[in-house]
Amino acid sequence: MNRPIALSDAIEACRLCAPRFAATATAHEPRPVPWFRASARLLIAGQAPGARVQAIGEPFRDASGDRLRLWTGLSEAEFYDRERVAIVPMAFCFPGYDAKGSDLPPPPICARTWHAQVMHTLCRRELTLVVGGAAQRWHLGTRSVTETVADWRAHLAQSRAFPLPHPSWRTTGWLKRHPWFETELLPALRAEVRAVMEMT
């Protein structure tokens, strides 16, 4: 068994957050969703799976994923090709909802336990899409999503990273306030993603 598959199996078996999740409003069991292979050239670094992903066991299998695939220009088959695309959130499990029904943040213990090992495994990556504030803080050391995404050219040049807002419905207003995202960033994003996907 090679190391990436062993690591993926270890993550899938992780139950570190069982007490934490049991105390949430959803009171759910851990269900880590690792999605990577060492051969992947494109890394999608996200936040955490949602409730639908928790139920299905595939990352971004929801409306957010539909929007993210539209942004990248990837087909569904390409997006879920683990040999070429790694999807690594800051937490591999759905964190749950609080008493008011709001999403809880990714538990930091997940990234502390697994992230460095996964990044070491993904030694062939050529481009990273850094989706949302939690991922941007870890991967880019930034705070403001708007400022980080607006500075996408610098991040692409310095670290081969494309910062993106989270593709949920909550981002619709943000997209309307920042039309440059669609007119300037997305064409560049799609070109870079396509070039990486066509690498042999």
Protein backbone atom coordinates (compact mmCIF):
# COMPACT_ATOMS: atom_id res chain seq x y z
CA MET A 1 0.00 0.00 0.00
CA ASN A 2 1.56 3.32 -0.99
CA ARG A 3 1.73 6.25 1.38
CA PRO A 4 -1.04 8.50 -0.07
CA ILE A 5 -3.59 5.67 0.10
CA ALA A 6 -2.47 4.80 3.65
CA LEU A 7 -2.79 8.45 4.66
CA SER A 8 -6.21 8.72 3.06
CA ASP A 9 -7.33 5.61 4.94
CA ALA A 10 -6.02 7.03 8.22
CA ILE A 11 -7.94 10.26 7.69
CA GLU A 12 -11.09 8.36 6.79
CA ALA A 13 -10.80 6.41 10.06
CA CYS A 14 -10.21 9.54 12.18
CA ARG A 15 -12.63 10.06 15.07
CA LEU A 16 -10.83 12.86 16.93
CA CYS A 17 -13.85 15.15 16.81
CA ALA A 18 -16.53 12.65 17.85
CA PRO A 19 -17.17 14.33 21.25
CA ARG A 20 -17.16 17.79 19.61
CA PHE A 21 -19.69 16.78 16.95
CA ALA A 22 -21.91 14.99 19.47
CA ALA A 23 -22.24 18.29 21.33
CA THR A 24 -23.41 20.25 18.26
CA ALA A 25 -27.04 20.88 17.32
CA THR A 26 -26.72 18.20 14.63
CA ALA A 27 -25.17 15.63 17.02
CA HIS A 28 -23.66 13.82 14.06
CA GLU A 29 -20.91 11.22 13.77
CA PRO A 30 -17.58 12.05 12.12
CA ARG A 31 -17.38 11.19 8.45
CA PRO A 32 -14.07 12.40 7.01
CA VAL A 33 -14.05 12.87 3.24
CA PRO A 34 -10.42 12.63 2.00
CA TRP A 35 -10.08 13.23 -1.74
CA PHE A 36 -6.51 13.23 -3.04
CA ARG A 37 -3.77 11.25 -4.75
CA ALA A 38 -0.06 12.05 -4.95
CA SER A 39 -0.34 12.53 -8.73
CA ALA A 40 -2.71 15.53 -8.45
CA ARG A 41 -1.51 18.71 -10.15
CA LEU A 42 -4.44 20.87 -9.07
CA LEU A 43 -5.23 21.40 -5.39
CA ILE A 44 -8.57 22.82 -4.29
CA ALA A 45 -8.04 23.96 -0.71
CA GLY A 46 -11.42 24.54 0.88
CA GLN A 47 -13.06 25.10 4.24
CA ALA A 48 -15.09 22.05 5.36
CA PRO A 49 -17.75 19.72 3.95
CA GLY A 50 -21.38 20.71 4.33
CA ALA A 51 -24.26 18.59 5.55
CA ARG A 52 -25.02 17.23 2.07
CA VAL A 53 -21.40 16.19 1.58
CA GLN A 54 -21.53 14.53 5.01
CA ALA A 55 -24.47 12.44 3.82
CA ILE A 56 -23.08 11.57 0.37
CA GLY A 57 -19.36 11.25 1.07
CA GLU A 58 -18.10 13.27 -1.93
CA PRO A 59 -16.68 16.81 -1.64
CA PHE A 60 -18.55 19.75 -3.15
CA ARG A 61 -21.48 17.56 -4.13
CA ASP A 62 -23.85 20.50 -3.60
CA ALA A 63 -24.79 23.91 -5.02
CA SER A 64 -21.43 25.34 -3.92
CA GLY A 65 -19.69 22.66 -5.96
CA ASP A 66 -21.82 23.49 -9.00
CA ARG A 67 -20.72 27.12 -8.77
CA LEU A 68 -17.08 26.21 -8.18
CA ARG A 69 -17.05 23.93 -11.23
CA LEU A 70 -18.56 26.77 -13.26
CA TRP A 71 -15.83 29.14 -12.04
CA THR A 72 -13.04 26.71 -12.93
CA GLY A 73 -14.46 25.47 -16.23
CA LEU A 74 -13.97 21.88 -15.09
CA SER A 75 -16.41 19.20 -16.10
CA GLU A 76 -17.84 17.02 -13.34
CA ALA A 77 -15.65 14.11 -14.47
CA GLU A 78 -12.52 16.27 -14.39
CA PHE A 79 -13.38 17.80 -11.03
CA TYR A 80 -13.73 14.37 -9.39
CA ASP A 81 -10.66 12.83 -11.04
CA ARG A 82 -8.51 12.26 -7.94
CA GLU A 83 -5.47 11.47 -10.06
CA ARG A 84 -5.46 15.09 -11.28
CA VAL A 85 -7.47 17.07 -8.71
CA ALA A 86 -7.01 16.99 -4.93
CA ILE A 87 -9.76 18.49 -2.77
CA VAL A 88 -8.40 19.20 0.70
CA PRO A 89 -10.49 21.26 3.14
CA MET A 90 -9.32 22.69 6.46
CA ALA A 91 -11.51 20.05 8.12
CA PHE A 92 -12.37 16.75 6.48
CA CYS A 93 -15.70 16.37 8.32
CA PHE A 94 -18.88 18.45 8.41
CA PRO A 95 -18.39 20.61 11.55
CA GLY A 96 -22.14 20.82 12.25
CA TYR A 97 -24.50 23.66 13.09
CA ASP A 98 -24.83 25.72 16.22
CA ALA A 99 -28.12 26.15 18.11
CA LYS A 100 -29.17 28.92 15.67
CA GLY A 101 -28.57 26.75 12.61
CA SER A 102 -25.38 28.51 11.52
CA ASP A 103 -22.35 26.66 10.20
CA LEU A 104 -19.69 25.98 12.79
CA PRO A 105 -16.07 26.74 11.77
CA PRO A 106 -13.66 23.94 10.88
CA PRO A 107 -12.16 22.48 14.08
CA PRO A 108 -8.47 23.55 14.12
CA ILE A 109 -7.40 20.12 15.39
CA CYS A 110 -8.12 18.64 11.95
CA ALA A 111 -5.63 20.88 10.15
CA ARG A 112 -3.09 20.49 12.96
CA THR A 113 -3.33 16.71 12.72
CA TRP A 114 -3.48 16.12 8.98
CA HIS A 115 -2.72 19.15 6.81
CA ALA A 116 1.07 19.09 6.77
CA GLN A 117 1.08 15.39 5.93
CA VAL A 118 -1.34 15.86 3.07
CA MET A 119 0.57 18.85 1.66
CA HIS A 120 3.78 16.81 1.78
CA THR A 121 2.05 14.07 -0.21
CA LEU A 122 0.87 16.52 -2.89
CA CYS A 123 4.40 17.20 -4.13
CA ARG A 124 3.36 17.42 -7.81
CA ARG A 125 0.82 20.20 -7.43
CA GLU A 126 1.20 23.06 -9.87
CA LEU A 127 -1.74 25.28 -8.90
CA THR A 128 -3.77 25.78 -5.72
CA LEU A 129 -7.26 27.24 -5.56
CA VAL A 130 -7.63 28.67 -2.05
CA VAL A 131 -11.36 28.81 -1.38
CA GLY A 132 -12.70 30.91 1.50
CA GLY A 133 -11.28 32.69 4.51
CA ALA A 134 -10.27 29.68 6.61
CA ALA A 135 -8.17 28.20 3.81
CA GLN A 136 -6.67 31.57 2.93
CA ARG A 137 -5.55 32.15 6.51
CA TRP A 138 -3.75 28.80 6.58
CA HIS A 139 -2.30 28.70 3.07
CA LEU A 140 -1.66 32.39 2.42
CA GLY A 141 -1.50 33.95 5.90
CA THR A 142 -4.14 36.53 4.98
CA ARG A 143 -7.23 37.80 6.81
CA SER A 144 -9.60 39.72 4.55
CA VAL A 145 -11.18 37.59 1.83
CA THR A 146 -11.99 40.62 -0.33
CA GLU A 147 -8.46 42.03 -0.12
CA THR A 148 -6.91 38.61 -0.71
CA VAL A 149 -9.06 37.82 -3.75
CA ALA A 150 -8.53 41.33 -5.14
CA ASP A 151 -4.77 40.71 -4.93
CA TRP A 152 -5.06 37.47 -6.93
CA ARG A 153 -2.40 38.43 -9.47
CA ALA A 154 0.25 38.74 -6.78
CA HIS A 155 -0.72 35.43 -5.15
CA LEU A 156 -0.66 33.69 -8.52
CA ALA A 157 2.78 35.08 -9.33
CA GLN A 158 4.29 34.45 -5.89
CA SER A 159 2.85 31.08 -4.91
CA ARG A 160 0.85 29.71 -7.86
CA ALA A 161 -2.31 30.19 -5.81
CA PHE A 162 -5.70 31.56 -6.83
CA PRO A 163 -7.64 32.93 -3.82
CA LEU A 164 -11.40 32.59 -4.28
CA PRO A 165 -14.42 33.50 -2.16
CA HIS A 166 -16.51 30.61 -0.93
CA PRO A 167 -18.87 29.60 -3.76
CA SER A 168 -21.98 29.36 -1.56
CA TRP A 169 -25.21 31.30 -2.20
CA ARG A 170 -24.08 33.78 0.48
CA THR A 171 -21.42 35.01 -1.95
CA THR A 172 -23.94 36.20 -4.55
CA GLY A 173 -24.06 39.73 -3.14
CA TRP A 174 -20.27 39.87 -2.96
CA LEU A 175 -20.04 38.90 -6.63
CA LYS A 176 -22.41 41.70 -7.61
CA ARG A 177 -20.34 44.24 -5.67
CA HIS A 178 -17.10 43.08 -7.28
CA PRO A 179 -17.73 42.62 -11.03
CA TRP A 180 -13.97 42.34 -11.70
CA PHE A 181 -14.15 38.82 -10.27
CA GLU A 182 -16.15 37.63 -13.26
CA THR A 183 -14.59 39.83 -15.93
CA GLU A 184 -10.91 39.65 -14.91
CA LEU A 185 -10.24 36.82 -12.47
CA LEU A 186 -12.41 34.02 -13.88
CA PRO A 187 -10.96 34.04 -17.44
CA ALA A 188 -7.45 33.87 -15.96
CA LEU A 189 -8.51 31.15 -13.53
CA ARG A 190 -10.02 28.99 -16.26
CA ALA A 191 -6.92 29.37 -18.46
CA GLU A 192 -4.57 28.38 -15.62
CA VAL A 193 -6.74 25.44 -14.58
CA ARG A 194 -6.98 24.17 -18.15
CA ALA A 195 -3.20 24.39 -18.61
CA VAL A 196 -2.62 22.37 -15.44
CA MET A 197 -5.24 19.77 -16.35
CA GLU A 198 -3.55 19.20 -19.71
CA MET A 199 -0.14 18.51 -18.16
CA THR A 200 1.17 14.98 -18.65
